[in-house]
Amino acid sequence: MPAAAASSPYHEETVPFLAGDGRELNLKHVHGDEEATRGPVVLVHGAGVRADIFRAPVRQTLVDALIADGYDVWLENWRASIDVEPSEWTLDQAAVHDHPAAIRTVVRETGHDSVKAIIHCQGSTSFAMSAAAGLLPQVDVILSNAVTLHPVVPHAAEVKLKLAIPVVSRLTPYLDPQWGFGPPTRTAKALDLLVGAFHHECDNRVCRWVSFTYGVGFPTLWRHENLNPETHDWLQHEFAKVPLSFFRQMTECVRAGHLLPVDDFPSLPADVAEREPQTDARWVFFAGAENRCFLPESQRRSFEHLERFRPGYHALHVVPGYGHLDMFMGQDASRDVFPLILDELDKPV
């Protein structure tokens, strides 16, 4: 069990479910002694991590804040989770097979016919594709962090995607920040030398590998000054395999300026990110102003896209001083970010 969850004052149970293609996934149900008064909220992690990424060793986690505010919290481990069998997944597979099954499971287990969702990074992109395609009718509020339908990355990261991904894809099906503890293959050893040559921002090898894997920042996924020492140490065990199949798809999406399906699922239209979304959900877009993985422009474009169809209904928050994942695991996120999240979730639909 991750360090952050070891002393949890809450009750926790793992609820397994099958994705639409039969893949074994699960939800972690976290709740206090008192009955939740505001209904269920599902938290969806990004690529190559797990559901517990929302429970870093900080004074108050987002899970703490949600439970204190009366929510019934469900953490989804979809196919990108390092707690399930690794696979060469795509966003399409998660959109069609994982998220609809997860939401149906929460509806069945709770007896509620509506669910709110907090979605992050590639959990956000795949969940957004699913919602926009009309596959998540039970979700009435979608709070997205970092990127939704329109991925925009720094120019250097775009060049890296175009040039490096085709080459690396021929050498290995996965990148794994755990290689910082000891690269197992020749390819991993060569990449570890690159990480050592270009990343000197801290002594945490996994932190440096994460920056190498997910972009071009120093670091990429957080600002070091926003993390306490316990979190910086804890994150070494929270990142593992992420497939090159995802990076190949994201390369095409960045080039197009919006998400592009790649698997030809009939339920996922090719123009899913360009047409009017097939959902009545209210969308709330969050971005760290200092995000160097996906620029805040990503969220501005998605917000403006949805506002065209329902003006004044959605919301956008660009939070100064924050990056990518420190929006959730920052030592002061409970002061700077969580009140904004709770305020948006608590608004009547």
Foldseek 3Di string as FASTA:
>chain_A
DFPLCPPDQWDWDWAWWAWPVGFIWIKIWTAHPDAFDQEEEEEEEAAQFAQCLQRFNAPAGLVNVQRVVRYGYIGTGFQRHPVGDHDLDALQSCLRTPPLRVLVVRCVVPVDQAYEYEYAYSSQQSVLLNQLLVSCQRYAAYEYEQAHWFFAAPPVFLVCLVPPLVVVVVVDFKQFLLCLVPNDDPSSVVVLVVLVVQADLDPLSSQSSCCVPQGPDNRAAKDVVQADPRRVVSCSPGGTIGGSSHSNQVSVSNVVRTHADDPPDPSRDRCSSQDAGNYNHAYEYEYECAHNRTHLVNRVVSVVRNCVVPPPRYYYYHFYPIYGSSCRRGNCNVPRRSVVVVVVSPDDD
